[in-house]
């Protein structure tokens, strides 16, 4: 199974394909220094194959390369980050915290 994750900034989402077939997406809002993930969805026919985790990992890697922080409002993204502590440093913290 070959997967590919592509950022589509005009649609404000990362999309994942599996063997060329659309399999899911992660929607976001973008500001100058912050990416807020709002919703992640994997097509039911692709569930249980680890594509959600692949999508989030590659999206976060792209965000990290761009030097941006992440606000994970999407429960899936939030839970994924909690299970992968090497990504916690990316999570936005207000200056009051």
PDB file of N, CA and C in Angstrom:
ATOM      1  N   UNK A   1       0.843  -1.173   0.000  1.00  0.00           N
ATOM      2  CA  UNK A   1       0.000   0.000   0.000  1.00  0.00           C
ATOM      3  C   UNK A   1       0.894   1.244   0.000  1.00  0.00           C
ATOM      4  N   UNK A   2       0.863   2.003  -1.079  1.00  0.00           N
ATOM      5  CA  UNK A   2       1.633   3.240  -1.187  1.00  0.00           C
ATOM      6  C   UNK A   2       0.753   4.414  -0.772  1.00  0.00           C
ATOM      7  N   UNK A   3       1.262   5.223   0.162  1.00  0.00           N
ATOM      8  CA  UNK A   3       0.501   6.387   0.613  1.00  0.00           C
ATOM      9  C   UNK A   3       1.239   7.665   0.256  1.00  0.00           C
ATOM     10  N   UNK A   4       0.472   8.729   0.133  1.00  0.00           N
ATOM     11  CA  UNK A   4       1.037  10.047  -0.121  1.00  0.00           C
ATOM     12  C   UNK A   4       0.185  11.073   0.617  1.00  0.00           C
ATOM     13  N   UNK A   5       0.865  12.000   1.306  1.00  0.00           N
ATOM     14  CA  UNK A   5       0.183  13.094   1.995  1.00  0.00           C
ATOM     15  C   UNK A   5       0.599  14.392   1.314  1.00  0.00           C
ATOM     16  N   UNK A   6      -0.401  15.189   0.943  1.00  0.00           N
ATOM     17  CA  UNK A   6      -0.159  16.440   0.232  1.00  0.00           C
ATOM     18  C   UNK A   6      -0.937  17.555   0.921  1.00  0.00           C
ATOM     19  N   UNK A   7      -0.273  18.696   1.105  1.00  0.00           N
ATOM     20  CA  UNK A   7      -0.925  19.877   1.638  1.00  0.00           C
ATOM     21  C   UNK A   7      -1.623  20.604   0.489  1.00  0.00           C
ATOM     22  N   UNK A   8      -2.893  20.931   0.697  1.00  0.00           N
ATOM     23  CA  UNK A   8      -3.654  21.722  -0.267  1.00  0.00           C
ATOM     24  C   UNK A   8      -4.074  23.011   0.434  1.00  0.00           C
ATOM     25  N   UNK A   9      -3.173  24.011   0.459  1.00  0.00           N
ATOM     26  CA  UNK A   9      -3.455  25.233   1.218  1.00  0.00           C
ATOM     27  C   UNK A   9      -4.705  25.976   0.745  1.00  0.00           C
ATOM     28  N   UNK A  10      -5.031  25.871  -0.541  1.00  0.00           N
ATOM     29  CA  UNK A  10      -6.228  26.549  -1.039  1.00  0.00           C
ATOM     30  C   UNK A  10      -7.504  25.952  -0.443  1.00  0.00           C
ATOM     31  N   UNK A  11      -7.443  24.705  -0.026  1.00  0.00           N
ATOM     32  CA  UNK A  11      -8.583  24.038   0.623  1.00  0.00           C
ATOM     33  C   UNK A  11      -8.391  23.944   2.133  1.00  0.00           C
ATOM     34  N   UNK A  12      -7.243  24.408   2.620  1.00  0.00           N
ATOM     35  CA  UNK A  12      -6.885  24.376   4.043  1.00  0.00           C
ATOM     36  C   UNK A  12      -6.986  22.953   4.599  1.00  0.00           C
ATOM     37  N   UNK A  13      -6.306  22.036   3.920  1.00  0.00           N
ATOM     38  CA  UNK A  13      -6.286  20.666   4.413  1.00  0.00           C
ATOM     39  C   UNK A  13      -5.144  19.864   3.808  1.00  0.00           C
ATOM     40  N   UNK A  14      -4.713  18.881   4.596  1.00  0.00           N
ATOM     41  CA  UNK A  14      -3.777  17.871   4.117  1.00  0.00           C
ATOM     42  C   UNK A  14      -4.626  16.685   3.675  1.00  0.00           C
ATOM     43  N   UNK A  15      -4.273  16.091   2.545  1.00  0.00           N
ATOM     44  CA  UNK A  15      -5.007  14.937   2.048  1.00  0.00           C
ATOM     45  C   UNK A  15      -4.067  13.749   1.934  1.00  0.00           C
ATOM     46  N   UNK A  16      -4.599  12.555   2.242  1.00  0.00           N
ATOM     47  CA  UNK A  16      -3.835  11.330   2.095  1.00  0.00           C
ATOM     48  C   UNK A  16      -4.503  10.454   1.042  1.00  0.00           C
ATOM     49  N   UNK A  17      -3.644   9.864   0.206  1.00  0.00           N
ATOM     50  CA  UNK A  17      -4.126   8.879  -0.756  1.00  0.00           C
ATOM     51  C   UNK A  17      -3.455   7.546  -0.457  1.00  0.00           C
ATOM     52  N   UNK A  18      -4.141   6.484  -0.821  1.00  0.00           N
ATOM     53  CA  UNK A  18      -3.609   5.132  -0.684  1.00  0.00           C
ATOM     54  C   UNK A  18      -3.703   4.469  -2.046  1.00  0.00           C
ATOM     55  N   UNK A  19      -2.559   4.113  -2.587  1.00  0.00           N
ATOM     56  CA  UNK A  19      -2.504   3.557  -3.945  1.00  0.00           C
ATOM     57  C   UNK A  19      -3.265   4.443  -4.930  1.00  0.00           C
ATOM     58  N   UNK A  20      -3.118   5.767  -4.769  1.00  0.00           N
ATOM     59  CA  UNK A  20      -3.725   6.723  -5.683  1.00  0.00           C
ATOM     60  C   UNK A  20      -5.169   7.083  -5.395  1.00  0.00           C
ATOM     61  N   UNK A  21      -5.791   6.378  -4.445  1.00  0.00           N
ATOM     62  CA  UNK A  21      -7.188   6.635  -4.114  1.00  0.00           C
ATOM     63  C   UNK A  21      -7.299   7.589  -2.929  1.00  0.00           C
ATOM     64  N   UNK A  22      -8.179   8.608  -2.992  1.00  0.00           N
ATOM     65  CA  UNK A  22      -8.369   9.492  -1.840  1.00  0.00           C
ATOM     66  C   UNK A  22      -8.816   8.675  -0.622  1.00  0.00           C
ATOM     67  N   UNK A  23      -8.115   8.871   0.499  1.00  0.00           N
ATOM     68  CA  UNK A  23      -8.413   8.069   1.691  1.00  0.00           C
ATOM     69  C   UNK A  23      -8.814   8.910   2.892  1.00  0.00           C
ATOM     70  N   UNK A  24      -8.487  10.202   2.897  1.00  0.00           N
ATOM     71  CA  UNK A  24      -8.870  11.032   4.035  1.00  0.00           C
ATOM     72  C   UNK A  24      -8.204  12.387   3.986  1.00  0.00           C
ATOM     73  N   UNK A  25      -8.503  13.181   5.025  1.00  0.00           N
ATOM     74  CA  UNK A  25      -7.937  14.527   5.081  1.00  0.00           C
ATOM     75  C   UNK A  25      -7.922  15.053   6.511  1.00  0.00           C
ATOM     76  N   UNK A  26      -7.093  16.057   6.725  1.00  0.00           N
ATOM     77  CA  UNK A  26      -7.019  16.775   8.000  1.00  0.00           C
ATOM     78  C   UNK A  26      -7.184  18.261   7.681  1.00  0.00           C
ATOM     79  N   UNK A  27      -8.248  18.859   8.200  1.00  0.00           N
ATOM     80  CA  UNK A  27      -8.550  20.259   7.932  1.00  0.00           C
ATOM     81  C   UNK A  27      -7.850  21.143   8.953  1.00  0.00           C
ATOM     82  N   UNK A  28      -7.489  22.360   8.516  1.00  0.00           N
ATOM     83  CA  UNK A  28      -6.787  23.270   9.419  1.00  0.00           C
ATOM     84  C   UNK A  28      -7.102  24.720   9.093  1.00  0.00           C
ATOM     85  N   UNK A  29      -6.789  25.570  10.057  1.00  0.00           N
ATOM     86  CA  UNK A  29      -6.801  27.017   9.883  1.00  0.00           C
ATOM     87  C   UNK A  29      -5.366  27.476  10.063  1.00  0.00           C
ATOM     88  N   UNK A  30      -4.946  28.471   9.300  1.00  0.00           N
ATOM     89  CA  UNK A  30      -3.560  28.920   9.327  1.00  0.00           C
ATOM     90  C   UNK A  30      -3.490  30.404   9.653  1.00  0.00           C
ATOM     91  N   UNK A  31      -2.609  30.746  10.593  1.00  0.00           N
ATOM     92  CA  UNK A  31      -2.252  32.137  10.840  1.00  0.00           C
ATOM     93  C   UNK A  31      -0.759  32.266  10.555  1.00  0.00           C
ATOM     94  N   UNK A  32      -0.184  33.411  10.855  1.00  0.00           N
ATOM     95  CA  UNK A  32       1.235  33.628  10.542  1.00  0.00           C
ATOM     96  C   UNK A  32       2.162  32.616  11.193  1.00  0.00           C
ATOM     97  N   UNK A  33       1.860  32.183  12.418  1.00  0.00           N
ATOM     98  CA  UNK A  33       2.775  31.285  13.128  1.00  0.00           C
ATOM     99  C   UNK A  33       2.093  30.094  13.790  1.00  0.00           C
ATOM    100  N   UNK A  34       0.855  29.797  13.370  1.00  0.00           N
ATOM    101  CA  UNK A  34       0.091  28.748  14.034  1.00  0.00           C
ATOM    102  C   UNK A  34      -0.803  28.011  13.046  1.00  0.00           C
ATOM    103  N   UNK A  35      -0.811  26.670  13.156  1.00  0.00           N
ATOM    104  CA  UNK A  35      -1.731  25.828  12.400  1.00  0.00           C
ATOM    105  C   UNK A  35      -2.691  25.200  13.402  1.00  0.00           C
ATOM    106  N   UNK A  36      -3.976  25.478  13.240  1.00  0.00           N
ATOM    107  CA  UNK A  36      -5.004  24.912  14.110  1.00  0.00           C
ATOM    108  C   UNK A  36      -5.691  23.777  13.357  1.00  0.00           C
ATOM    109  N   UNK A  37      -5.485  22.540  13.825  1.00  0.00           N
ATOM    110  CA  UNK A  37      -6.150  21.395  13.204  1.00  0.00           C
ATOM    111  C   UNK A  37      -7.554  21.283  13.789  1.00  0.00           C
ATOM    112  N   UNK A  38      -8.560  21.294  12.905  1.00  0.00           N
ATOM    113  CA  UNK A  38      -9.955  21.338  13.343  1.00  0.00           C
ATOM    114  C   UNK A  38     -10.728  20.039  13.138  1.00  0.00           C
ATOM    115  N   UNK A  39     -10.318  19.234  12.162  1.00  0.00           N
ATOM    116  CA  UNK A  39     -11.089  18.018  11.861  1.00  0.00           C
ATOM    117  C   UNK A  39     -10.222  17.068  11.037  1.00  0.00           C
ATOM    118  N   UNK A  40     -10.284  15.796  11.369  1.00  0.00           N
ATOM    119  CA  UNK A  40      -9.594  14.763  10.601  1.00  0.00           C
ATOM    120  C   UNK A  40     -10.602  13.678  10.261  1.00  0.00           C
ATOM    121  N   UNK A  41     -10.526  13.199   9.034  1.00  0.00           N
ATOM    122  CA  UNK A  41     -11.480  12.187   8.587  1.00  0.00           C
ATOM    123  C   UNK A  41     -10.791  11.188   7.670  1.00  0.00           C
ATOM    124  N   UNK A  42     -11.014   9.911   7.929  1.00  0.00           N
ATOM    125  CA  UNK A  42     -10.539   8.831   7.064  1.00  0.00           C
ATOM    126  C   UNK A  42     -11.769   8.133   6.497  1.00  0.00           C
ATOM    127  N   UNK A  43     -11.755   7.907   5.191  1.00  0.00           N
ATOM    128  CA  UNK A  43     -12.868   7.210   4.543  1.00  0.00           C
ATOM    129  C   UNK A  43     -13.061   5.854   5.219  1.00  0.00           C
ATOM    130  N   UNK A  44     -14.310   5.478   5.524  1.00  0.00           N
ATOM    131  CA  UNK A  44     -14.553   4.200   6.219  1.00  0.00           C
ATOM    132  C   UNK A  44     -13.914   2.990   5.555  1.00  0.00           C
ATOM    133  N   UNK A  45     -13.784   2.996   4.246  1.00  0.00           N
ATOM    134  CA  UNK A  45     -13.183   1.839   3.570  1.00  0.00           C
ATOM    135  C   UNK A  45     -11.680   1.728   3.818  1.00  0.00           C
ATOM    136  N   UNK A  46     -11.066   2.779   4.402  1.00  0.00           N
ATOM    137  CA  UNK A  46      -9.637   2.766   4.690  1.00  0.00           C
ATOM    138  C   UNK A  46      -9.338   2.723   6.186  1.00  0.00           C
ATOM    139  N   UNK A  47     -10.373   2.691   7.015  1.00  0.00           N
ATOM    140  CA  UNK A  47     -10.156   2.686   8.459  1.00  0.00           C
ATOM    141  C   UNK A  47      -9.443   1.415   8.902  1.00  0.00           C
ATOM    142  N   UNK A  48      -8.688   1.538   9.994  1.00  0.00           N
ATOM    143  CA  UNK A  48      -7.992   0.396  10.562  1.00  0.00           C
ATOM    144  C   UNK A  48      -6.691   0.039   9.868  1.00  0.00           C
ATOM    145  N   UNK A  49      -6.224   0.888   8.978  1.00  0.00           N
ATOM    146  CA  UNK A  49      -4.988   0.610   8.236  1.00  0.00           C
ATOM    147  C   UNK A  49      -3.860   1.553   8.625  1.00  0.00           C
ATOM    148  N   UNK A  50      -4.079   2.369   9.656  1.00  0.00           N
ATOM    149  CA  UNK A  50      -3.039   3.280  10.124  1.00  0.00           C
ATOM    150  C   UNK A  50      -2.900   4.552   9.316  1.00  0.00           C
ATOM    151  N   UNK A  51      -3.837   4.810   8.415  1.00  0.00           N
ATOM    152  CA  UNK A  51      -3.715   5.977   7.556  1.00  0.00           C
ATOM    153  C   UNK A  51      -3.928   7.284   8.321  1.00  0.00           C
ATOM    154  N   UNK A  52      -4.768   7.269   9.349  1.00  0.00           N
ATOM    155  CA  UNK A  52      -4.968   8.472  10.155  1.00  0.00           C
ATOM    156  C   UNK A  52      -3.667   8.906  10.813  1.00  0.00           C
ATOM    157  N   UNK A  53      -2.946   7.956  11.374  1.00  0.00           N
ATOM    158  CA  UNK A  53      -1.664   8.258  12.002  1.00  0.00           C
ATOM    159  C   UNK A  53      -0.635   8.737  10.995  1.00  0.00           C
ATOM    160  N   UNK A  54      -0.610   8.117   9.827  1.00  0.00           N
ATOM    161  CA  UNK A  54       0.311   8.552   8.772  1.00  0.00           C
ATOM    162  C   UNK A  54      -0.007   9.970   8.339  1.00  0.00           C
ATOM    163  N   UNK A  55      -1.281  10.261   8.174  1.00  0.00           N
ATOM    164  CA  UNK A  55      -1.713  11.600   7.773  1.00  0.00           C
ATOM    165  C   UNK A  55      -1.273  12.641   8.793  1.00  0.00           C
ATOM    166  N   UNK A  56      -1.536  12.383  10.063  1.00  0.00           N
ATOM    167  CA  UNK A  56      -1.181  13.346  11.111  1.00  0.00           C
ATOM    168  C   UNK A  56       0.337  13.501  11.207  1.00  0.00           C
ATOM    169  N   UNK A  57       1.071  12.406  11.205  1.00  0.00           N
ATOM    170  CA  UNK A  57       2.534  12.477  11.317  1.00  0.00           C
ATOM    171  C   UNK A  57       3.126  13.320  10.184  1.00  0.00           C
ATOM    172  N   UNK A  58       2.723  13.046   8.961  1.00  0.00           N
ATOM    173  CA  UNK A  58       3.298  13.777   7.833  1.00  0.00           C
ATOM    174  C   UNK A  58       2.857  15.236   7.820  1.00  0.00           C
ATOM    175  N   UNK A  59       1.625  15.512   8.223  1.00  0.00           N
ATOM    176  CA  UNK A  59       1.176  16.904   8.313  1.00  0.00           C
ATOM    177  C   UNK A  59       1.973  17.646   9.376  1.00  0.00           C
ATOM    178  N   UNK A  60       2.163  17.021  10.537  1.00  0.00           N
ATOM    179  CA  UNK A  60       2.936  17.656  11.607  1.00  0.00           C
ATOM    180  C   UNK A  60       4.395  17.840  11.208  1.00  0.00           C
ATOM    181  N   UNK A  61       4.960  16.883  10.502  1.00  0.00           N
ATOM    182  CA  UNK A  61       6.333  17.035  10.033  1.00  0.00           C
ATOM    183  C   UNK A  61       6.453  18.239   9.093  1.00  0.00           C
ATOM    184  N   UNK A  62       5.459  18.427   8.236  1.00  0.00           N
ATOM    185  CA  UNK A  62       5.462  19.576   7.344  1.00  0.00           C
ATOM    186  C   UNK A  62       5.345  20.878   8.137  1.00  0.00           C
ATOM    187  N   UNK A  63       4.462  20.902   9.115  1.00  0.00           N
ATOM    188  CA  UNK A  63       4.283  22.090   9.949  1.00  0.00           C
ATOM    189  C   UNK A  63       5.583  22.405  10.699  1.00  0.00           C
ATOM    190  N   UNK A  64       6.237  21.381  11.225  1.00  0.00           N
ATOM    191  CA  UNK A  64       7.501  21.577  11.939  1.00  0.00           C
ATOM    192  C   UNK A  64       8.560  22.178  11.006  1.00  0.00           C
ATOM    193  N   UNK A  65       8.657  21.649   9.790  1.00  0.00           N
ATOM    194  CA  UNK A  65       9.623  22.177   8.821  1.00  0.00           C
ATOM    195  C   UNK A  65       9.381  23.646   8.528  1.00  0.00           C
ATOM    196  N   UNK A  66       8.143  24.072   8.589  1.00  0.00           N
ATOM    197  CA  UNK A  66       7.787  25.463   8.323  1.00  0.00           C
ATOM    198  C   UNK A  66       7.959  26.347   9.560  1.00  0.00           C
ATOM    199  N   UNK A  67       8.321  25.743  10.699  1.00  0.00           N
ATOM    200  CA  UNK A  67       8.586  26.503  11.917  1.00  0.00           C
ATOM    201  C   UNK A  67       7.351  27.038  12.598  1.00  0.00           C
ATOM    202  N   UNK A  68       6.215  26.366  12.410  1.00  0.00           N
ATOM    203  CA  UNK A  68       4.954  26.820  12.981  1.00  0.00           C
ATOM    204  C   UNK A  68       4.564  25.986  14.198  1.00  0.00           C
ATOM    205  N   UNK A  69       3.763  26.566  15.068  1.00  0.00           N
ATOM    206  CA  UNK A  69       3.206  25.842  16.213  1.00  0.00           C
ATOM    207  C   UNK A  69       1.876  25.214  15.786  1.00  0.00           C
ATOM    208  N   UNK A  70       1.379  24.305  16.636  1.00  0.00           N
ATOM    209  CA  UNK A  70       0.146  23.573  16.350  1.00  0.00           C
ATOM    210  C   UNK A  70      -0.835  23.758  17.500  1.00  0.00           C
ATOM    211  N   UNK A  71      -2.097  23.978  17.142  1.00  0.00           N
ATOM    212  CA  UNK A  71      -3.184  23.971  18.118  1.00  0.00           C
ATOM    213  C   UNK A  71      -4.111  22.835  17.707  1.00  0.00           C
ATOM    214  N   UNK A  72      -4.075  21.700  18.425  1.00  0.00           N
ATOM    215  CA  UNK A  72      -4.849  20.526  18.014  1.00  0.00           C
ATOM    216  C   UNK A  72      -6.270  20.535  18.596  1.00  0.00           C
ATOM    217  N   UNK A  73      -7.190  21.235  17.945  1.00  0.00           N
ATOM    218  CA  UNK A  73      -8.589  21.212  18.384  1.00  0.00           C
ATOM    219  C   UNK A  73      -9.274  19.912  17.993  1.00  0.00           C
ATOM    220  N   UNK A  74      -8.810  19.293  16.927  1.00  0.00           N
ATOM    221  CA  UNK A  74      -9.351  18.002  16.491  1.00  0.00           C
ATOM    222  C   UNK A  74      -8.967  16.934  17.512  1.00  0.00           C
ATOM    223  N   UNK A  75      -9.937  16.198  18.048  1.00  0.00           N
ATOM    224  CA  UNK A  75      -9.627  15.168  19.050  1.00  0.00           C
ATOM    225  C   UNK A  75      -8.661  14.097  18.551  1.00  0.00           C
ATOM    226  N   UNK A  76      -8.733  13.744  17.278  1.00  0.00           N
ATOM    227  CA  UNK A  76      -7.823  12.724  16.751  1.00  0.00           C
ATOM    228  C   UNK A  76      -6.389  13.230  16.759  1.00  0.00           C
ATOM    229  N   UNK A  77      -6.175  14.452  16.283  1.00  0.00           N
ATOM    230  CA  UNK A  77      -4.828  15.025  16.257  1.00  0.00           C
ATOM    231  C   UNK A  77      -4.308  15.192  17.687  1.00  0.00           C
ATOM    232  N   UNK A  78      -5.158  15.688  18.569  1.00  0.00           N
ATOM    233  CA  UNK A  78      -4.761  15.873  19.967  1.00  0.00           C
ATOM    234  C   UNK A  78      -4.333  14.545  20.594  1.00  0.00           C
ATOM    235  N   UNK A  79      -5.135  13.518  20.413  1.00  0.00           N
ATOM    236  CA  UNK A  79      -4.808  12.201  20.962  1.00  0.00           C
ATOM    237  C   UNK A  79      -3.547  11.618  20.361  1.00  0.00           C
ATOM    238  N   UNK A  80      -3.342  11.829  19.069  1.00  0.00           N
ATOM    239  CA  UNK A  80      -2.141  11.316  18.406  1.00  0.00           C
ATOM    240  C   UNK A  80      -0.903  11.974  18.990  1.00  0.00           C
ATOM    241  N   UNK A  81      -0.957  13.289  19.174  1.00  0.00           N
ATOM    242  CA  UNK A  81       0.184  14.004  19.752  1.00  0.00           C
ATOM    243  C   UNK A  81       0.451  13.522  21.179  1.00  0.00           C
ATOM    244  N   UNK A  82      -0.586  13.297  21.957  1.00  0.00           N
ATOM    245  CA  UNK A  82      -0.410  12.812  23.333  1.00  0.00           C
ATOM    246  C   UNK A  82       0.281  11.448  23.358  1.00  0.00           C
ATOM    247  N   UNK A  83       0.052  10.623  22.351  1.00  0.00           N
ATOM    248  CA  UNK A  83       0.678   9.292  22.282  1.00  0.00           C
ATOM    249  C   UNK A  83       2.073   9.329  21.658  1.00  0.00           C
ATOM    250  N   UNK A  84       2.467  10.473  21.115  1.00  0.00           N
ATOM    251  CA  UNK A  84       3.771  10.630  20.454  1.00  0.00           C
ATOM    252  C   UNK A  84       4.458  11.860  21.040  1.00  0.00           C
ATOM    253  N   UNK A  85       5.077  11.705  22.210  1.00  0.00           N
ATOM    254  CA  UNK A  85       5.629  12.855  22.936  1.00  0.00           C
ATOM    255  C   UNK A  85       6.694  13.645  22.185  1.00  0.00           C
ATOM    256  N   UNK A  86       7.287  13.076  21.146  1.00  0.00           N
ATOM    257  CA  UNK A  86       8.277  13.828  20.384  1.00  0.00           C
ATOM    258  C   UNK A  86       7.640  14.950  19.547  1.00  0.00           C
ATOM    259  N   UNK A  87       6.315  15.042  19.558  1.00  0.00           N
ATOM    260  CA  UNK A  87       5.618  16.120  18.856  1.00  0.00           C
ATOM    261  C   UNK A  87       5.000  17.137  19.822  1.00  0.00           C
ATOM    262  N   UNK A  88       5.057  16.877  21.107  1.00  0.00           N
ATOM    263  CA  UNK A  88       4.415  17.763  22.085  1.00  0.00           C
ATOM    264  C   UNK A  88       5.027  19.154  22.063  1.00  0.00           C
ATOM    265  N   UNK A  89       6.319  19.267  21.754  1.00  0.00           N
ATOM    266  CA  UNK A  89       6.965  20.578  21.722  1.00  0.00           C
ATOM    267  C   UNK A  89       6.360  21.504  20.676  1.00  0.00           C
ATOM    268  N   UNK A  90       5.601  20.971  19.730  1.00  0.00           N
ATOM    269  CA  UNK A  90       4.994  21.783  18.689  1.00  0.00           C
ATOM    270  C   UNK A  90       3.696  22.451  19.135  1.00  0.00           C
ATOM    271  N   UNK A  91       3.106  21.944  20.216  1.00  0.00           N
ATOM    272  CA  UNK A  91       1.788  22.421  20.641  1.00  0.00           C
ATOM    273  C   UNK A  91       1.899  23.847  21.181  1.00  0.00           C
ATOM    274  N   UNK A  92       1.011  24.683  20.692  1.00  0.00           N
ATOM    275  CA  UNK A  92       0.975  26.089  21.086  1.00  0.00           C
ATOM    276  C   UNK A  92       0.744  26.234  22.582  1.00  0.00           C
ATOM    277  N   UNK A  93       1.503  27.108  23.195  1.00  0.00           N
ATOM    278  CA  UNK A  93       1.326  27.473  24.606  1.00  0.00           C
ATOM    279  C   UNK A  93       1.229  28.981  24.658  1.00  0.00           C
ATOM    280  N   UNK A  94       0.202  29.496  25.328  1.00  0.00           N
ATOM    281  CA  UNK A  94       0.077  30.943  25.438  1.00  0.00           C
ATOM    282  C   UNK A  94       1.207  31.483  26.312  1.00  0.00           C
ATOM    283  N   UNK A  95       1.512  32.744  26.155  1.00  0.00           N
ATOM    284  CA  UNK A  95       2.592  33.343  26.948  1.00  0.00           C
ATOM    285  C   UNK A  95       2.203  33.432  28.421  1.00  0.00           C
ATOM    286  N   UNK A  96       0.928  33.261  28.747  1.00  0.00           N
ATOM    287  CA  UNK A  96       0.471  33.289  30.129  1.00  0.00           C
ATOM    288  C   UNK A  96       0.684  31.968  30.844  1.00  0.00           C
ATOM    289  N   UNK A  97       0.940  30.886  30.102  1.00  0.00           N
ATOM    290  CA  UNK A  97       1.092  29.571  30.718  1.00  0.00           C
ATOM    291  C   UNK A  97       2.475  29.406  31.313  1.00  0.00           C
TER     292      UNK A  97
END
